[in-house]
Amino acid sequence: MATNSLFLWGKNSAGALNYANQLLVGQPLYDMLTDRVAREPSQWGIGASGVRDAWIFGRDYTLWCTARWIPDGGDGSLASPLSGPVGWQAFFDYARDQNPFRFVPDAAWPNFYVDACYLVDPLAKGPLGALSPDILRNIPFQICNATVDFHQALRGIMWEYAPGGSITDPLLATYTRADP
C-alpha cells in the first residue's frame, strides 16, 4: 500500500539541527529505486592481464524517486507547496547546502525515520522539476545515507532478522536452550 512520505529538516537560530520543519509529500513517491552505491572517489580498473580491481571508498544507500503533483502555492491540500518558508524550494535550498535531514517513509508514523540523509541530485541544476499536464510540478530527486537501507525503510523494517542472527548484535553466539 502506497503511503505519503515526510521530510524533517531545519536548524534553530543558533544553527543547531532541530528538524522542526516538515515537508509533506502529498502523493506517494513515484518511480522509487533503491541501491547501495560506491562513494566518490571510488575507482575501478582492469589490468593488462584482464584482472579487475576496485578501490571502494565507502558505500551509501540511495533512493531515486519522483515527488508528483506538487502545488505551486497553498491550495488547501495536505501537500507542502513549492514556494514558501517551508515549501519544496526552501527544503532544496537547505538540502543543497549538504545539511542533513530525516526521511520519514510513512507520514502516519513520524517517529520511524531514516536519519542523516543528504541530497545527491539535483544539486546545482534547475529548474526544480517539470510541469505535469495538469500544471502541477513533478520533482525527481536522489537522496542517500550511510547506514539504513531505504528499501527496508520503505517496507517499514528498520532491522531484518536472519537465521542465526540477533537484533541485539554484536552478540557472539546464539542459544537454543536456556539450560545445559
Protein backbone atom coordinates (compact mmCIF):
# COMPACT_ATOMS: atom_id res chain seq x y z
CA MET A 1 0.00 0.00 0.00
CA ALA A 2 1.47 3.33 -1.04
CA THR A 3 1.79 5.99 1.63
CA ASN A 4 2.72 9.64 1.83
CA SER A 5 6.24 10.45 2.96
CA LEU A 6 7.64 13.29 5.02
CA PHE A 7 10.95 15.10 5.30
CA LEU A 8 12.01 16.63 8.62
CA TRP A 9 14.58 19.38 8.28
CA GLY A 10 15.87 22.65 9.65
CA LYS A 11 18.07 24.43 12.16
CA ASN A 12 17.29 26.77 15.02
CA SER A 13 18.53 30.37 15.25
CA ALA A 14 21.79 29.19 16.84
CA GLY A 15 22.50 26.91 13.87
CA ALA A 16 21.82 23.61 15.69
CA LEU A 17 19.77 20.92 13.96
CA ASN A 18 16.20 20.79 15.25
CA TYR A 19 14.25 19.17 12.37
CA ALA A 20 11.28 21.45 13.16
CA ASN A 21 10.29 21.96 9.52
CA GLN A 22 8.10 19.38 7.83
CA LEU A 23 7.88 18.84 4.10
CA LEU A 24 4.89 16.64 3.35
CA VAL A 25 4.82 14.74 0.09
CA GLY A 26 1.12 14.91 -0.83
CA GLN A 27 1.13 11.85 -3.07
CA PRO A 28 3.12 8.63 -2.65
CA LEU A 29 6.63 8.87 -4.10
CA TYR A 30 6.78 7.58 -7.65
CA ASP A 31 9.36 5.55 -9.59
CA MET A 32 11.23 4.60 -6.42
CA LEU A 33 14.51 2.77 -6.95
CA THR A 34 16.94 1.88 -4.18
CA ASP A 35 20.55 0.75 -4.30
CA ARG A 36 23.83 0.88 -2.42
CA VAL A 37 26.39 2.73 -4.49
CA ALA A 38 30.09 3.44 -4.08
CA ARG A 39 31.08 6.90 -2.85
CA GLU A 40 33.37 9.26 -4.71
CA PRO A 41 36.37 8.91 -5.25
CA SER A 42 36.00 5.11 -5.66
CA GLN A 43 37.80 3.70 -8.68
CA TRP A 44 37.68 0.60 -10.84
CA GLY A 45 40.35 -0.70 -13.14
CA ILE A 46 41.25 -3.54 -15.46
CA GLY A 47 44.84 -4.67 -15.75
CA ALA A 48 46.56 -5.70 -19.00
CA SER A 49 46.01 -9.34 -17.98
CA GLY A 50 42.25 -8.74 -17.69
CA VAL A 51 42.25 -8.90 -13.90
CA ARG A 52 39.79 -6.43 -12.43
CA ASP A 53 40.33 -4.45 -9.27
CA ALA A 54 38.42 -1.85 -7.29
CA TRP A 55 39.20 0.66 -4.58
CA ILE A 56 35.94 1.43 -2.83
CA PHE A 57 35.99 4.49 -0.59
CA GLY A 58 32.67 3.54 1.04
CA ARG A 59 29.06 2.87 0.09
CA ASP A 60 25.84 4.82 0.56
CA TYR A 61 22.26 3.61 0.48
CA THR A 62 20.44 5.62 -2.16
CA LEU A 63 16.85 6.34 -3.12
CA TRP A 64 15.90 7.70 -6.54
CA CYS A 65 12.28 8.83 -6.80
CA THR A 66 9.87 11.48 -8.04
CA ALA A 67 7.54 13.64 -5.97
CA ARG A 68 4.48 14.26 -8.12
CA TRP A 69 1.71 16.84 -8.31
CA ILE A 70 3.28 19.45 -6.06
CA PRO A 71 1.06 22.54 -5.79
CA ASP A 72 2.63 25.93 -6.56
CA GLY A 73 1.07 27.56 -3.51
CA GLY A 74 -1.15 26.83 -0.55
CA ASP A 75 -4.12 25.22 -2.30
CA GLY A 76 -5.66 23.72 0.84
CA SER A 77 -4.24 20.25 0.21
CA LEU A 78 -2.08 18.44 2.69
CA ALA A 79 0.90 18.60 0.34
CA SER A 80 3.65 21.12 1.03
CA PRO A 81 3.66 23.84 -1.64
CA LEU A 82 6.55 24.57 -3.99
CA SER A 83 7.09 28.08 -2.58
CA GLY A 84 7.16 29.48 0.93
CA PRO A 85 9.35 29.25 4.04
CA VAL A 86 8.77 25.52 4.49
CA GLY A 87 7.99 24.55 0.88
CA TRP A 88 9.92 22.44 -1.57
CA GLN A 89 12.16 25.28 -2.74
CA ALA A 90 13.18 26.12 0.86
CA PHE A 91 13.84 22.42 1.56
CA PHE A 92 16.02 22.08 -1.56
CA ASP A 93 17.93 25.26 -0.63
CA TYR A 94 18.64 23.72 2.79
CA ALA A 95 19.48 20.26 1.40
CA ARG A 96 21.68 21.58 -1.43
CA ASP A 97 23.93 23.11 1.25
CA GLN A 98 24.59 19.49 2.31
CA ASN A 99 22.66 19.84 5.55
CA PRO A 100 21.30 16.56 6.94
CA PHE A 101 17.58 15.80 7.08
CA ARG A 102 15.34 12.94 8.12
CA PHE A 103 13.28 10.87 5.69
CA VAL A 104 10.02 9.50 7.09
CA PRO A 105 8.76 6.76 4.72
CA ASP A 106 5.21 6.91 6.13
CA ALA A 107 3.98 10.29 7.40
CA ALA A 108 1.49 8.49 9.68
CA TRP A 109 4.49 7.22 11.72
CA PRO A 110 6.82 10.25 12.12
CA ASN A 111 8.95 8.54 14.79
CA PHE A 112 10.09 5.93 12.24
CA TYR A 113 12.65 7.77 10.13
CA VAL A 114 15.96 7.41 8.34
CA ASP A 115 18.35 9.89 9.93
CA ALA A 116 21.35 11.69 8.42
CA CYS A 117 20.08 11.77 4.84
CA TYR A 118 21.65 14.03 2.23
CA LEU A 119 20.53 15.30 -1.16
CA VAL A 120 22.52 13.86 -4.06
CA ASP A 121 20.59 15.22 -7.02
CA PRO A 122 19.58 17.85 -8.11
CA LEU A 123 22.34 19.89 -6.52
CA ALA A 124 23.10 22.74 -8.89
CA LYS A 125 20.77 22.49 -11.82
CA GLY A 126 17.37 23.98 -12.44
CA PRO A 127 14.55 24.41 -12.94
CA LEU A 128 13.24 22.43 -9.99
CA GLY A 129 11.30 19.61 -11.63
CA ALA A 130 8.95 19.76 -14.58
CA LEU A 131 5.29 20.64 -15.06
CA SER A 132 2.76 17.84 -15.43
CA PRO A 133 -0.15 18.11 -17.92
CA ASP A 134 -2.36 19.49 -15.13
CA ILE A 135 0.13 22.33 -14.40
CA LEU A 136 1.44 20.80 -11.19
CA ARG A 137 5.12 20.17 -10.60
CA ASN A 138 6.94 16.82 -10.59
CA ILE A 139 10.38 16.77 -8.96
CA PRO A 140 12.76 13.84 -9.49
CA PHE A 141 15.49 13.63 -6.85
CA GLN A 142 18.03 11.33 -5.25
CA ILE A 143 18.91 11.09 -1.55
CA CYS A 144 21.44 8.98 0.33
CA ASN A 145 22.51 7.91 3.81
CA ALA A 146 25.34 5.76 5.08
CA THR A 147 23.61 3.37 7.47
CA VAL A 148 20.00 2.43 6.68
CA ASP A 149 18.69 0.57 3.64
CA PHE A 150 15.91 2.67 2.04
CA HIS A 151 14.32 -0.50 0.63
CA GLN A 152 13.81 -1.87 4.14
CA ALA A 153 12.69 1.51 5.49
CA LEU A 154 10.06 1.83 2.75
CA ARG A 155 8.77 -1.60 3.77
CA GLY A 156 8.58 -0.44 7.41
CA ILE A 157 11.53 -2.55 8.56
CA MET A 158 14.46 -0.91 10.31
CA TRP A 159 16.28 -4.18 11.09
CA GLU A 160 15.80 -7.50 9.36
CA TYR A 161 16.37 -10.76 11.21
CA ALA A 162 18.39 -13.50 9.56
CA PRO A 163 18.51 -17.08 10.86
CA GLY A 164 21.26 -17.40 13.44
CA GLY A 165 21.39 -13.62 13.84
CA SER A 166 20.30 -11.35 16.61
CA ILE A 167 18.72 -7.89 16.65
CA THR A 168 20.89 -7.15 19.69
CA ASP A 169 24.17 -7.61 17.83
CA PRO A 170 27.01 -7.74 18.43
CA LEU A 171 26.12 -10.96 20.21
CA LEU A 172 28.89 -13.50 19.74
CA ALA A 173 26.73 -16.61 19.99
CA THR A 174 23.15 -17.74 19.64
CA TYR A 175 21.40 -20.09 22.03
CA THR A 176 18.75 -22.75 21.53
CA ARG A 177 18.20 -23.72 25.20
CA ALA A 178 18.45 -21.93 28.49
CA ASP A 179 19.67 -24.99 30.40
CA PRO A 180 22.56 -27.41 29.66
